C-alpha cells in the first residue's frame, strides 16, 4: 500500500509542476500512469 501512496504523491508532484508552469506533463501520460497504479 505504501508503494502506491508513493506513486500517488509522485503524480501529485507532477501535476503540481505542470500547473506551476514548470515542465510540461502530457495529461495522457498522467492518465496512463494512473492506470498503471491501479
PDB file of N, CA and C in Angstrom:
ATOM      1  N   UNK A   1       0.842  -1.196   0.000  1.00  0.00           N
ATOM      2  CA  UNK A   1       0.000   0.000   0.000  1.00  0.00           C
ATOM      3  C   UNK A   1       0.874   1.241   0.000  1.00  0.00           C
ATOM      4  N   UNK A   2       1.969   1.216   0.746  1.00  0.00           N
ATOM      5  CA  UNK A   2       2.845   2.394   0.824  1.00  0.00           C
ATOM      6  C   UNK A   2       3.441   2.716  -0.541  1.00  0.00           C
ATOM      7  N   UNK A   3       3.718   1.677  -1.330  1.00  0.00           N
ATOM      8  CA  UNK A   3       4.314   1.916  -2.653  1.00  0.00           C
ATOM      9  C   UNK A   3       3.336   2.670  -3.540  1.00  0.00           C
ATOM     10  N   UNK A   4       2.041   2.320  -3.459  1.00  0.00           N
ATOM     11  CA  UNK A   4       1.042   3.005  -4.276  1.00  0.00           C
ATOM     12  C   UNK A   4       0.891   4.448  -3.799  1.00  0.00           C
ATOM     13  N   UNK A   5       0.996   4.656  -2.480  1.00  0.00           N
ATOM     14  CA  UNK A   5       0.910   6.012  -1.942  1.00  0.00           C
ATOM     15  C   UNK A   5       2.066   6.851  -2.470  1.00  0.00           C
ATOM     16  N   UNK A   6       3.252   6.236  -2.583  1.00  0.00           N
ATOM     17  CA  UNK A   6       4.405   6.949  -3.124  1.00  0.00           C
ATOM     18  C   UNK A   6       4.144   7.337  -4.570  1.00  0.00           C
ATOM     19  N   UNK A   7       3.508   6.425  -5.314  1.00  0.00           N
ATOM     20  CA  UNK A   7       3.192   6.706  -6.719  1.00  0.00           C
ATOM     21  C   UNK A   7       2.231   7.881  -6.813  1.00  0.00           C
ATOM     22  N   UNK A   8       1.230   7.883  -5.937  1.00  0.00           N
ATOM     23  CA  UNK A   8       0.247   8.964  -5.987  1.00  0.00           C
ATOM     24  C   UNK A   8       0.878  10.293  -5.597  1.00  0.00           C
ATOM     25  N   UNK A   9       1.766  10.268  -4.610  1.00  0.00           N
ATOM     26  CA  UNK A   9       2.429  11.504  -4.200  1.00  0.00           C
ATOM     27  C   UNK A   9       3.304  12.018  -5.341  1.00  0.00           C
ATOM     28  N   UNK A  10       3.910  11.087  -6.092  1.00  0.00           N
ATOM     29  CA  UNK A  10       4.728  11.474  -7.241  1.00  0.00           C
ATOM     30  C   UNK A  10       3.833  12.082  -8.313  1.00  0.00           C
ATOM     31  N   UNK A  11       2.660  11.471  -8.529  1.00  0.00           N
ATOM     32  CA  UNK A  11       1.714  12.001  -9.512  1.00  0.00           C
ATOM     33  C   UNK A  11       1.283  13.404  -9.113  1.00  0.00           C
ATOM     34  N   UNK A  12       1.020  13.591  -7.824  1.00  0.00           N
ATOM     35  CA  UNK A  12       0.618  14.907  -7.337  1.00  0.00           C
ATOM     36  C   UNK A  12       1.719  15.921  -7.608  1.00  0.00           C
ATOM     37  N   UNK A  13       2.963  15.500  -7.413  1.00  0.00           N
ATOM     38  CA  UNK A  13       4.099  16.387  -7.669  1.00  0.00           C
ATOM     39  C   UNK A  13       4.188  16.742  -9.141  1.00  0.00           C
ATOM     40  N   UNK A  14       3.932  15.759 -10.012  1.00  0.00           N
ATOM     41  CA  UNK A  14       3.981  16.010 -11.455  1.00  0.00           C
ATOM     42  C   UNK A  14       2.894  16.996 -11.853  1.00  0.00           C
ATOM     43  N   UNK A  15       1.683  16.785 -11.330  1.00  0.00           N
ATOM     44  CA  UNK A  15       0.584  17.684 -11.663  1.00  0.00           C
ATOM     45  C   UNK A  15       0.869  19.084 -11.139  1.00  0.00           C
ATOM     46  N   UNK A  16       1.456  19.155  -9.945  1.00  0.00           N
ATOM     47  CA  UNK A  16       1.778  20.456  -9.357  1.00  0.00           C
ATOM     48  C   UNK A  16       2.792  21.172 -10.244  1.00  0.00           C
ATOM     49  N   UNK A  17       3.778  20.425 -10.736  1.00  0.00           N
ATOM     50  CA  UNK A  17       4.799  21.015 -11.602  1.00  0.00           C
ATOM     51  C   UNK A  17       4.163  21.482 -12.908  1.00  0.00           C
ATOM     52  N   UNK A  18       3.217  20.688 -13.423  1.00  0.00           N
ATOM     53  CA  UNK A  18       2.553  21.038 -14.679  1.00  0.00           C
ATOM     54  C   UNK A  18       1.744  22.318 -14.503  1.00  0.00           C
ATOM     55  N   UNK A  19       0.975  22.391 -13.409  1.00  0.00           N
ATOM     56  CA  UNK A  19       0.160  23.575 -13.167  1.00  0.00           C
ATOM     57  C   UNK A  19       1.031  24.771 -12.809  1.00  0.00           C
ATOM     58  N   UNK A  20       2.194  24.492 -12.248  1.00  0.00           N
ATOM     59  CA  UNK A  20       3.094  25.566 -11.843  1.00  0.00           C
ATOM     60  C   UNK A  20       3.833  26.165 -13.030  1.00  0.00           C
ATOM     61  N   UNK A  21       3.658  25.563 -14.208  1.00  0.00           N
ATOM     62  CA  UNK A  21       4.322  26.098 -15.391  1.00  0.00           C
ATOM     63  C   UNK A  21       5.759  25.625 -15.503  1.00  0.00           C
ATOM     64  N   UNK A  22       6.110  24.607 -14.715  1.00  0.00           N
ATOM     65  CA  UNK A  22       7.468  24.068 -14.806  1.00  0.00           C
ATOM     66  C   UNK A  22       7.601  23.228 -16.064  1.00  0.00           C
ATOM     67  N   UNK A  23       7.913  21.944 -15.891  1.00  0.00           N
ATOM     68  CA  UNK A  23       7.994  21.064 -17.053  1.00  0.00           C
ATOM     69  C   UNK A  23       6.590  20.664 -17.459  1.00  0.00           C
ATOM     70  N   UNK A  24       6.342  20.655 -18.775  1.00  0.00           N
ATOM     71  CA  UNK A  24       5.007  20.288 -19.248  1.00  0.00           C
ATOM     72  C   UNK A  24       4.812  18.780 -19.136  1.00  0.00           C
ATOM     73  N   UNK A  25       3.677  18.387 -18.549  1.00  0.00           N
ATOM     74  CA  UNK A  25       3.363  16.965 -18.433  1.00  0.00           C
ATOM     75  C   UNK A  25       2.096  16.680 -19.231  1.00  0.00           C
ATOM     76  N   UNK A  26       2.194  15.777 -20.205  1.00  0.00           N
ATOM     77  CA  UNK A  26       1.045  15.444 -21.033  1.00  0.00           C
ATOM     78  C   UNK A  26      -0.027  14.755 -20.191  1.00  0.00           C
ATOM     79  N   UNK A  27      -1.253  15.282 -20.188  1.00  0.00           N
ATOM     80  CA  UNK A  27      -2.346  14.676 -19.411  1.00  0.00           C
ATOM     81  C   UNK A  27      -2.524  13.196 -19.751  1.00  0.00           C
ATOM     82  N   UNK A  28      -2.275  12.829 -21.002  1.00  0.00           N
ATOM     83  CA  UNK A  28      -2.402  11.425 -21.410  1.00  0.00           C
ATOM     84  C   UNK A  28      -1.380  10.563 -20.674  1.00  0.00           C
ATOM     85  N   UNK A  29      -0.179  11.111 -20.482  1.00  0.00           N
ATOM     86  CA  UNK A  29       0.857  10.379 -19.752  1.00  0.00           C
ATOM     87  C   UNK A  29       0.417  10.162 -18.304  1.00  0.00           C
ATOM     88  N   UNK A  30      -0.141  11.214 -17.699  1.00  0.00           N
ATOM     89  CA  UNK A  30      -0.623  11.089 -16.326  1.00  0.00           C
ATOM     90  C   UNK A  30      -1.705  10.023 -16.243  1.00  0.00           C
ATOM     91  N   UNK A  31      -2.604  10.008 -17.238  1.00  0.00           N
ATOM     92  CA  UNK A  31      -3.694   9.031 -17.246  1.00  0.00           C
ATOM     93  C   UNK A  31      -3.130   7.612 -17.333  1.00  0.00           C
ATOM     94  N   UNK A  32      -2.147   7.413 -18.192  1.00  0.00           N
ATOM     95  CA  UNK A  32      -1.535   6.087 -18.331  1.00  0.00           C
ATOM     96  C   UNK A  32      -0.866   5.670 -17.021  1.00  0.00           C
ATOM     97  N   UNK A  33      -0.222   6.616 -16.358  1.00  0.00           N
ATOM     98  CA  UNK A  33       0.447   6.315 -15.091  1.00  0.00           C
ATOM     99  C   UNK A  33      -0.587   5.928 -14.036  1.00  0.00           C
ATOM    100  N   UNK A  34      -1.713   6.637 -14.008  1.00  0.00           N
ATOM    101  CA  UNK A  34      -2.766   6.328 -13.048  1.00  0.00           C
ATOM    102  C   UNK A  34      -3.324   4.936 -13.304  1.00  0.00           C
ATOM    103  N   UNK A  35      -3.491   4.581 -14.586  1.00  0.00           N
ATOM    104  CA  UNK A  35      -3.985   3.246 -14.927  1.00  0.00           C
ATOM    105  C   UNK A  35      -2.996   2.188 -14.464  1.00  0.00           C
ATOM    106  N   UNK A  36      -1.710   2.495 -14.575  1.00  0.00           N
ATOM    107  CA  UNK A  36      -0.674   1.552 -14.156  1.00  0.00           C
ATOM    108  C   UNK A  36      -0.718   1.352 -12.644  1.00  0.00           C
ATOM    109  N   UNK A  37      -0.975   2.441 -11.914  1.00  0.00           N
ATOM    110  CA  UNK A  37      -1.040   2.358 -10.453  1.00  0.00           C
ATOM    111  C   UNK A  37      -2.197   1.460 -10.039  1.00  0.00           C
ATOM    112  N   UNK A  38      -3.331   1.614 -10.708  1.00  0.00           N
ATOM    113  CA  UNK A  38      -4.490   0.787 -10.383  1.00  0.00           C
ATOM    114  C   UNK A  38      -4.230  -0.630 -10.854  1.00  0.00           C
TER     115      UNK A  38
END
